[in-house]
Amino acid sequence: MTTDHERQEAVREVARILHGRLLPTLDAEHVAGLAVDALHAIDWRHVPRPPGIPTAARSGDPPNTEWRKAREQLTRPEGDQQ
């Protein structure tokens, strides 16, 4: 069973894909709703996109503690043990 929120999310995602591909007189949100309803009728279910994984720290952010520890281990002269 799909909740209203999940359906709305699926409609927004499909409308985003359709936007700019339909005639200007057609409502992409309405067409997307019809498409999602038709897909649900054949047991298709929208899988929400997972949140993005940050790939890098923002410019200007100080390095975190783990990064500093790793850098110290990599740049430590050979034979220098702590």
PDB file of N, CA and C in Angstrom:
ATOM      1  N   MET A   1       0.845  -1.182   0.000  1.00  0.00           N
ATOM      2  CA  MET A   1       0.000   0.000   0.000  1.00  0.00           C
ATOM      3  C   MET A   1       0.889   1.245   0.000  1.00  0.00           C
ATOM      4  N   THR A   2       0.571   2.153  -0.839  1.00  0.00           N
ATOM      5  CA  THR A   2       1.344   3.385  -0.945  1.00  0.00           C
ATOM      6  C   THR A   2       0.628   4.497  -0.193  1.00  0.00           C
ATOM      7  N   THR A   3       1.356   5.201   0.632  1.00  0.00           N
ATOM      8  CA  THR A   3       0.763   6.319   1.362  1.00  0.00           C
ATOM      9  C   THR A   3       0.619   7.523   0.438  1.00  0.00           C
ATOM     10  N   ASP A   4      -0.188   8.489   0.874  1.00  0.00           N
ATOM     11  CA  ASP A   4      -0.367   9.712   0.084  1.00  0.00           C
ATOM     12  C   ASP A   4       0.953  10.446  -0.104  1.00  0.00           C
ATOM     13  N   HIS A   5       1.771  10.462   0.957  1.00  0.00           N
ATOM     14  CA  HIS A   5       3.070  11.136   0.871  1.00  0.00           C
ATOM     15  C   HIS A   5       3.967  10.457  -0.170  1.00  0.00           C
ATOM     16  N   GLU A   6       3.995   9.125  -0.171  1.00  0.00           N
ATOM     17  CA  GLU A   6       4.820   8.401  -1.150  1.00  0.00           C
ATOM     18  C   GLU A   6       4.317   8.643  -2.570  1.00  0.00           C
ATOM     19  N   ARG A   7       2.973   8.686  -2.733  1.00  0.00           N
ATOM     20  CA  ARG A   7       2.417   8.960  -4.055  1.00  0.00           C
ATOM     21  C   ARG A   7       2.801  10.358  -4.513  1.00  0.00           C
ATOM     22  N   GLN A   8       2.682  11.346  -3.625  1.00  0.00           N
ATOM     23  CA  GLN A   8       3.031  12.719  -3.981  1.00  0.00           C
ATOM     24  C   GLN A   8       4.510  12.833  -4.349  1.00  0.00           C
ATOM     25  N   GLU A   9       5.350  12.113  -3.628  1.00  0.00           N
ATOM     26  CA  GLU A   9       6.785  12.122  -3.936  1.00  0.00           C
ATOM     27  C   GLU A   9       7.037  11.525  -5.320  1.00  0.00           C
ATOM     28  N   ALA A  10       6.340  10.429  -5.628  1.00  0.00           N
ATOM     29  CA  ALA A  10       6.485   9.798  -6.943  1.00  0.00           C
ATOM     30  C   ALA A  10       5.983  10.729  -8.041  1.00  0.00           C
ATOM     31  N   VAL A  11       4.859  11.395  -7.797  1.00  0.00           N
ATOM     32  CA  VAL A  11       4.309  12.325  -8.795  1.00  0.00           C
ATOM     33  C   VAL A  11       5.287  13.472  -9.038  1.00  0.00           C
ATOM     34  N   ARG A  12       5.876  14.008  -7.973  1.00  0.00           N
ATOM     35  CA  ARG A  12       6.860  15.103  -8.136  1.00  0.00           C
ATOM     36  C   ARG A  12       8.067  14.642  -8.954  1.00  0.00           C
ATOM     37  N   GLU A  13       8.529  13.417  -8.686  1.00  0.00           N
ATOM     38  CA  GLU A  13       9.697  12.899  -9.409  1.00  0.00           C
ATOM     39  C   GLU A  13       9.381  12.707 -10.897  1.00  0.00           C
ATOM     40  N   VAL A  14       8.219  12.132 -11.192  1.00  0.00           N
ATOM     41  CA  VAL A  14       7.824  11.929 -12.596  1.00  0.00           C
ATOM     42  C   VAL A  14       7.577  13.273 -13.273  1.00  0.00           C
ATOM     43  N   ALA A  15       6.945  14.207 -12.566  1.00  0.00           N
ATOM     44  CA  ALA A  15       6.697  15.541 -13.137  1.00  0.00           C
ATOM     45  C   ALA A  15       8.013  16.248 -13.450  1.00  0.00           C
ATOM     46  N   ARG A  16       9.000  16.054 -12.580  1.00  0.00           N
ATOM     47  CA  ARG A  16      10.320  16.661 -12.819  1.00  0.00           C
ATOM     48  C   ARG A  16      10.911  16.139 -14.124  1.00  0.00           C
ATOM     49  N   ILE A  17      10.725  14.850 -14.386  1.00  0.00           N
ATOM     50  CA  ILE A  17      11.236  14.248 -15.621  1.00  0.00           C
ATOM     51  C   ILE A  17      10.464  14.770 -16.832  1.00  0.00           C
ATOM     52  N   LEU A  18       9.143  14.905 -16.679  1.00  0.00           N
ATOM     53  CA  LEU A  18       8.296  15.336 -17.799  1.00  0.00           C
ATOM     54  C   LEU A  18       8.395  16.824 -18.102  1.00  0.00           C
ATOM     55  N   HIS A  19       8.742  17.609 -17.102  1.00  0.00           N
ATOM     56  CA  HIS A  19       8.777  19.062 -17.284  1.00  0.00           C
ATOM     57  C   HIS A  19       9.700  19.438 -18.447  1.00  0.00           C
ATOM     58  N   GLY A  20       9.180  20.206 -19.360  1.00  0.00           N
ATOM     59  CA  GLY A  20       9.964  20.625 -20.523  1.00  0.00           C
ATOM     60  C   GLY A  20       9.891  19.652 -21.678  1.00  0.00           C
ATOM     61  N   ARG A  21       9.295  18.468 -21.459  1.00  0.00           N
ATOM     62  CA  ARG A  21       9.169  17.483 -22.525  1.00  0.00           C
ATOM     63  C   ARG A  21       7.743  17.424 -23.069  1.00  0.00           C
ATOM     64  N   LEU A  22       6.824  18.108 -22.383  1.00  0.00           N
ATOM     65  CA  LEU A  22       5.423  18.113 -22.797  1.00  0.00           C
ATOM     66  C   LEU A  22       5.082  19.427 -23.473  1.00  0.00           C
ATOM     67  N   LEU A  23       3.989  19.423 -24.201  1.00  0.00           N
ATOM     68  CA  LEU A  23       3.504  20.670 -24.782  1.00  0.00           C
ATOM     69  C   LEU A  23       3.224  21.664 -23.663  1.00  0.00           C
ATOM     70  N   PRO A  24       3.434  22.935 -23.893  1.00  0.00           N
ATOM     71  CA  PRO A  24       3.225  23.933 -22.839  1.00  0.00           C
ATOM     72  C   PRO A  24       1.803  23.945 -22.270  1.00  0.00           C
ATOM     73  N   THR A  25       0.830  23.470 -23.058  1.00  0.00           N
ATOM     74  CA  THR A  25      -0.557  23.480 -22.590  1.00  0.00           C
ATOM     75  C   THR A  25      -0.872  22.322 -21.649  1.00  0.00           C
ATOM     76  N   LEU A  26       0.012  21.336 -21.549  1.00  0.00           N
ATOM     77  CA  LEU A  26      -0.219  20.193 -20.669  1.00  0.00           C
ATOM     78  C   LEU A  26       0.408  20.448 -19.303  1.00  0.00           C
ATOM     79  N   ASP A  27      -0.289  20.037 -18.272  1.00  0.00           N
ATOM     80  CA  ASP A  27       0.189  20.177 -16.905  1.00  0.00           C
ATOM     81  C   ASP A  27       1.019  18.939 -16.546  1.00  0.00           C
ATOM     82  N   ALA A  28       2.319  19.117 -16.394  1.00  0.00           N
ATOM     83  CA  ALA A  28       3.214  17.989 -16.120  1.00  0.00           C
ATOM     84  C   ALA A  28       2.822  17.276 -14.831  1.00  0.00           C
ATOM     85  N   GLU A  29       2.378  18.019 -13.831  1.00  0.00           N
ATOM     86  CA  GLU A  29       1.978  17.416 -12.543  1.00  0.00           C
ATOM     87  C   GLU A  29       0.754  16.511 -12.730  1.00  0.00           C
ATOM     88  N   HIS A  30      -0.213  16.961 -13.528  1.00  0.00           N
ATOM     89  CA  HIS A  30      -1.420  16.165 -13.773  1.00  0.00           C
ATOM     90  C   HIS A  30      -1.075  14.893 -14.554  1.00  0.00           C
ATOM     91  N   VAL A  31      -0.285  15.046 -15.610  1.00  0.00           N
ATOM     92  CA  VAL A  31       0.126  13.892 -16.419  1.00  0.00           C
ATOM     93  C   VAL A  31       0.931  12.919 -15.560  1.00  0.00           C
ATOM     94  N   ALA A  32       1.797  13.435 -14.703  1.00  0.00           N
ATOM     95  CA  ALA A  32       2.591  12.578 -13.820  1.00  0.00           C
ATOM     96  C   ALA A  32       1.679  11.813 -12.868  1.00  0.00           C
ATOM     97  N   GLY A  33       0.647  12.480 -12.326  1.00  0.00           N
ATOM     98  CA  GLY A  33      -0.296  11.801 -11.435  1.00  0.00           C
ATOM     99  C   GLY A  33      -1.006  10.654 -12.132  1.00  0.00           C
ATOM    100  N   LEU A  34      -1.427  10.880 -13.384  1.00  0.00           N
ATOM    101  CA  LEU A  34      -2.065   9.816 -14.158  1.00  0.00           C
ATOM    102  C   LEU A  34      -1.093   8.659 -14.407  1.00  0.00           C
ATOM    103  N   ALA A  35       0.152   9.008 -14.718  1.00  0.00           N
ATOM    104  CA  ALA A  35       1.158   7.974 -14.979  1.00  0.00           C
ATOM    105  C   ALA A  35       1.437   7.153 -13.721  1.00  0.00           C
ATOM    106  N   VAL A  36       1.578   7.817 -12.589  1.00  0.00           N
ATOM    107  CA  VAL A  36       1.849   7.110 -11.327  1.00  0.00           C
ATOM    108  C   VAL A  36       0.673   6.207 -10.972  1.00  0.00           C
ATOM    109  N   ASP A  37      -0.556   6.695 -11.147  1.00  0.00           N
ATOM    110  CA  ASP A  37      -1.735   5.867 -10.862  1.00  0.00           C
ATOM    111  C   ASP A  37      -1.769   4.634 -11.764  1.00  0.00           C
ATOM    112  N   ALA A  38      -1.441   4.817 -13.049  1.00  0.00           N
ATOM    113  CA  ALA A  38      -1.421   3.680 -13.974  1.00  0.00           C
ATOM    114  C   ALA A  38      -0.328   2.685 -13.587  1.00  0.00           C
ATOM    115  N   LEU A  39       0.819   3.192 -13.193  1.00  0.00           N
ATOM    116  CA  LEU A  39       1.908   2.304 -12.763  1.00  0.00           C
ATOM    117  C   LEU A  39       1.546   1.561 -11.484  1.00  0.00           C
ATOM    118  N   HIS A  40       0.901   2.227 -10.550  1.00  0.00           N
ATOM    119  CA  HIS A  40       0.481   1.571  -9.309  1.00  0.00           C
ATOM    120  C   HIS A  40      -0.552   0.482  -9.590  1.00  0.00           C
ATOM    121  N   ALA A  41      -1.356   0.679 -10.627  1.00  0.00           N
ATOM    122  CA  ALA A  41      -2.355  -0.321 -10.995  1.00  0.00           C
ATOM    123  C   ALA A  41      -1.706  -1.640 -11.430  1.00  0.00           C
ATOM    124  N   ILE A  42      -0.470  -1.549 -11.897  1.00  0.00           N
ATOM    125  CA  ILE A  42       0.245  -2.785 -12.281  1.00  0.00           C
ATOM    126  C   ILE A  42       1.297  -3.152 -11.232  1.00  0.00           C
ATOM    127  N   ASP A  43       1.067  -2.694  -9.990  1.00  0.00           N
ATOM    128  CA  ASP A  43       1.891  -3.030  -8.816  1.00  0.00           C
ATOM    129  C   ASP A  43       3.291  -2.433  -8.816  1.00  0.00           C
ATOM    130  N   TRP A  44       3.496  -1.362  -9.546  1.00  0.00           N
ATOM    131  CA  TRP A  44       4.772  -0.643  -9.479  1.00  0.00           C
ATOM    132  C   TRP A  44       4.781   0.214  -8.235  1.00  0.00           C
ATOM    133  N   ARG A  45       5.912   0.293  -7.581  1.00  0.00           N
ATOM    134  CA  ARG A  45       6.036   1.150  -6.401  1.00  0.00           C
ATOM    135  C   ARG A  45       7.279   2.018  -6.543  1.00  0.00           C
ATOM    136  N   HIS A  46       7.113   3.280  -6.208  1.00  0.00           N
ATOM    137  CA  HIS A  46       8.217   4.240  -6.260  1.00  0.00           C
ATOM    138  C   HIS A  46       9.197   3.948  -5.128  1.00  0.00           C
ATOM    139  N   VAL A  47      10.460   3.913  -5.436  1.00  0.00           N
ATOM    140  CA  VAL A  47      11.500   3.766  -4.418  1.00  0.00           C
ATOM    141  C   VAL A  47      12.146   5.132  -4.252  1.00  0.00           C
ATOM    142  N   PRO A  48      11.954   5.768  -3.092  1.00  0.00           N
ATOM    143  CA  PRO A  48      12.511   7.106  -2.903  1.00  0.00           C
ATOM    144  C   PRO A  48      14.024   7.130  -3.055  1.00  0.00           C
ATOM    145  N   ARG A  49      14.511   8.208  -3.592  1.00  0.00           N
ATOM    146  CA  ARG A  49      15.950   8.393  -3.754  1.00  0.00           C
ATOM    147  C   ARG A  49      16.569   8.619  -2.376  1.00  0.00           C
ATOM    148  N   PRO A  50      17.664   7.907  -2.061  1.00  0.00           N
ATOM    149  CA  PRO A  50      18.301   8.124  -0.754  1.00  0.00           C
ATOM    150  C   PRO A  50      18.945   9.507  -0.696  1.00  0.00           C
ATOM    151  N   PRO A  51      19.105  10.035   0.498  1.00  0.00           N
ATOM    152  CA  PRO A  51      19.764  11.342   0.602  1.00  0.00           C
ATOM    153  C   PRO A  51      21.198  11.250   0.082  1.00  0.00           C
ATOM    154  N   GLY A  52      21.671  12.338  -0.470  1.00  0.00           N
ATOM    155  CA  GLY A  52      23.023  12.354  -1.028  1.00  0.00           C
ATOM    156  C   GLY A  52      24.091  12.173   0.030  1.00  0.00           C
ATOM    157  N   ILE A  53      25.187  11.580  -0.370  1.00  0.00           N
ATOM    158  CA  ILE A  53      26.326  11.390   0.515  1.00  0.00           C
ATOM    159  C   ILE A  53      27.321  12.498   0.217  1.00  0.00           C
ATOM    160  N   PRO A  54      27.683  13.279   1.213  1.00  0.00           N
ATOM    161  CA  PRO A  54      28.653  14.350   0.939  1.00  0.00           C
ATOM    162  C   PRO A  54      29.988  13.752   0.494  1.00  0.00           C
ATOM    163  N   THR A  55      30.536  14.294  -0.574  1.00  0.00           N
ATOM    164  CA  THR A  55      31.774  13.748  -1.102  1.00  0.00           C
ATOM    165  C   THR A  55      33.001  14.515  -0.634  1.00  0.00           C
ATOM    166  N   ALA A  56      32.817  15.727  -0.233  1.00  0.00           N
ATOM    167  CA  ALA A  56      33.963  16.525   0.219  1.00  0.00           C
ATOM    168  C   ALA A  56      33.481  17.583   1.199  1.00  0.00           C
ATOM    169  N   ALA A  57      34.371  17.992   2.042  1.00  0.00           N
ATOM    170  CA  ALA A  57      34.039  19.054   2.987  1.00  0.00           C
ATOM    171  C   ALA A  57      33.918  20.374   2.226  1.00  0.00           C
ATOM    172  N   ARG A  58      33.142  21.266   2.771  1.00  0.00           N
ATOM    173  CA  ARG A  58      33.019  22.587   2.150  1.00  0.00           C
ATOM    174  C   ARG A  58      34.367  23.285   2.195  1.00  0.00           C
ATOM    175  N   SER A  59      34.582  24.115   1.226  1.00  0.00           N
ATOM    176  CA  SER A  59      35.817  24.874   1.176  1.00  0.00           C
ATOM    177  C   SER A  59      35.922  25.753   2.418  1.00  0.00           C
ATOM    178  N   GLY A  60      37.043  25.715   3.069  1.00  0.00           N
ATOM    179  CA  GLY A  60      37.257  26.536   4.248  1.00  0.00           C
ATOM    180  C   GLY A  60      36.994  25.808   5.550  1.00  0.00           C
ATOM    181  N   ASP A  61      36.369  24.619   5.485  1.00  0.00           N
ATOM    182  CA  ASP A  61      36.141  23.848   6.709  1.00  0.00           C
ATOM    183  C   ASP A  61      37.471  23.287   7.205  1.00  0.00           C
ATOM    184  N   PRO A  62      37.718  23.336   8.501  1.00  0.00           N
ATOM    185  CA  PRO A  62      38.958  22.761   9.012  1.00  0.00           C
ATOM    186  C   PRO A  62      38.915  21.236   8.902  1.00  0.00           C
ATOM    187  N   PRO A  63      40.056  20.593   8.699  1.00  0.00           N
ATOM    188  CA  PRO A  63      40.077  19.134   8.609  1.00  0.00           C
ATOM    189  C   PRO A  63      39.607  18.527   9.934  1.00  0.00           C
ATOM    190  N   ASN A  64      38.913  17.400   9.845  1.00  0.00           N
ATOM    191  CA  ASN A  64      38.450  16.778  11.075  1.00  0.00           C
ATOM    192  C   ASN A  64      39.589  16.013  11.760  1.00  0.00           C
ATOM    193  N   THR A  65      39.341  15.552  12.964  1.00  0.00           N
ATOM    194  CA  THR A  65      40.375  14.905  13.784  1.00  0.00           C
ATOM    195  C   THR A  65      40.920  13.647  13.128  1.00  0.00           C
ATOM    196  N   GLU A  66      40.035  12.831  12.553  1.00  0.00           N
ATOM    197  CA  GLU A  66      40.487  11.586  11.913  1.00  0.00           C
ATOM    198  C   GLU A  66      41.424  11.888  10.748  1.00  0.00           C
ATOM    199  N   TRP A  67      41.084  12.903   9.965  1.00  0.00           N
ATOM    200  CA  TRP A  67      41.920  13.264   8.829  1.00  0.00           C
ATOM    201  C   TRP A  67      43.293  13.716   9.314  1.00  0.00           C
ATOM    202  N   ARG A  68      43.331  14.526  10.381  1.00  0.00           N
ATOM    203  CA  ARG A  68      44.624  14.990  10.915  1.00  0.00           C
ATOM    204  C   ARG A  68      45.465  13.829  11.416  1.00  0.00           C
ATOM    205  N   LYS A  69      44.851  12.868  12.109  1.00  0.00           N
ATOM    206  CA  LYS A  69      45.589  11.699  12.605  1.00  0.00           C
ATOM    207  C   LYS A  69      46.182  10.903  11.450  1.00  0.00           C
ATOM    208  N   ALA A  70      45.391  10.703  10.407  1.00  0.00           N
ATOM    209  CA  ALA A  70      45.876   9.950   9.247  1.00  0.00           C
ATOM    210  C   ALA A  70      47.034  10.681   8.576  1.00  0.00           C
ATOM    211  N   ARG A  71      46.926  12.003   8.450  1.00  0.00           N
ATOM    212  CA  ARG A  71      47.995  12.776   7.828  1.00  0.00           C
ATOM    213  C   ARG A  71      49.279  12.671   8.644  1.00  0.00           C
ATOM    214  N   GLU A  72      49.160  12.745   9.979  1.00  0.00           N
ATOM    215  CA  GLU A  72      50.339  12.639  10.840  1.00  0.00           C
ATOM    216  C   GLU A  72      51.016  11.289  10.695  1.00  0.00           C
ATOM    217  N   GLN A  73      50.223  10.218  10.600  1.00  0.00           N
ATOM    218  CA  GLN A  73      50.812   8.883  10.440  1.00  0.00           C
ATOM    219  C   GLN A  73      51.500   8.737   9.093  1.00  0.00           C
ATOM    220  N   LEU A  74      50.923   9.333   8.064  1.00  0.00           N
ATOM    221  CA  LEU A  74      51.508   9.213   6.729  1.00  0.00           C
ATOM    222  C   LEU A  74      52.766  10.055   6.565  1.00  0.00           C
ATOM    223  N   THR A  75      52.843  11.166   7.269  1.00  0.00           N
ATOM    224  CA  THR A  75      53.993  12.065   7.096  1.00  0.00           C
ATOM    225  C   THR A  75      55.068  11.869   8.159  1.00  0.00           C
ATOM    226  N   ARG A  76      54.834  10.974   9.111  1.00  0.00           N
ATOM    227  CA  ARG A  76      55.813  10.722  10.172  1.00  0.00           C
ATOM    228  C   ARG A  76      57.027  10.001   9.563  1.00  0.00           C
ATOM    229  N   PRO A  77      58.240  10.439   9.901  1.00  0.00           N
ATOM    230  CA  PRO A  77      59.442   9.775   9.375  1.00  0.00           C
ATOM    231  C   PRO A  77      59.487   8.309   9.823  1.00  0.00           C
ATOM    232  N   GLU A  78      60.087   7.465   8.969  1.00  0.00           N
ATOM    233  CA  GLU A  78      60.205   6.040   9.312  1.00  0.00           C
ATOM    234  C   GLU A  78      61.012   5.875  10.583  1.00  0.00           C
ATOM    235  N   GLY A  79      60.612   4.922  11.387  1.00  0.00           N
ATOM    236  CA  GLY A  79      61.317   4.658  12.630  1.00  0.00           C
ATOM    237  C   GLY A  79      60.814   5.495  13.785  1.00  0.00           C
ATOM    238  N   ASP A  80      60.059   6.516  13.515  1.00  0.00           N
ATOM    239  CA  ASP A  80      59.509   7.372  14.569  1.00  0.00           C
ATOM    240  C   ASP A  80      58.216   6.724  15.060  1.00  0.00           C
ATOM    241  N   GLN A  81      58.242   6.161  16.245  1.00  0.00           N
ATOM    242  CA  GLN A  81      57.081   5.477  16.810  1.00  0.00           C
ATOM    243  C   GLN A  81      56.485   6.307  17.932  1.00  0.00           C
ATOM    244  N   GLN A  82      55.198   6.287  18.050  1.00  0.00           N
ATOM    245  CA  GLN A  82      54.538   6.950  19.171  1.00  0.00           C
ATOM    246  C   GLN A  82      53.671   5.980  19.894  1.00  0.00           C
TER     247      GLN A  82
END
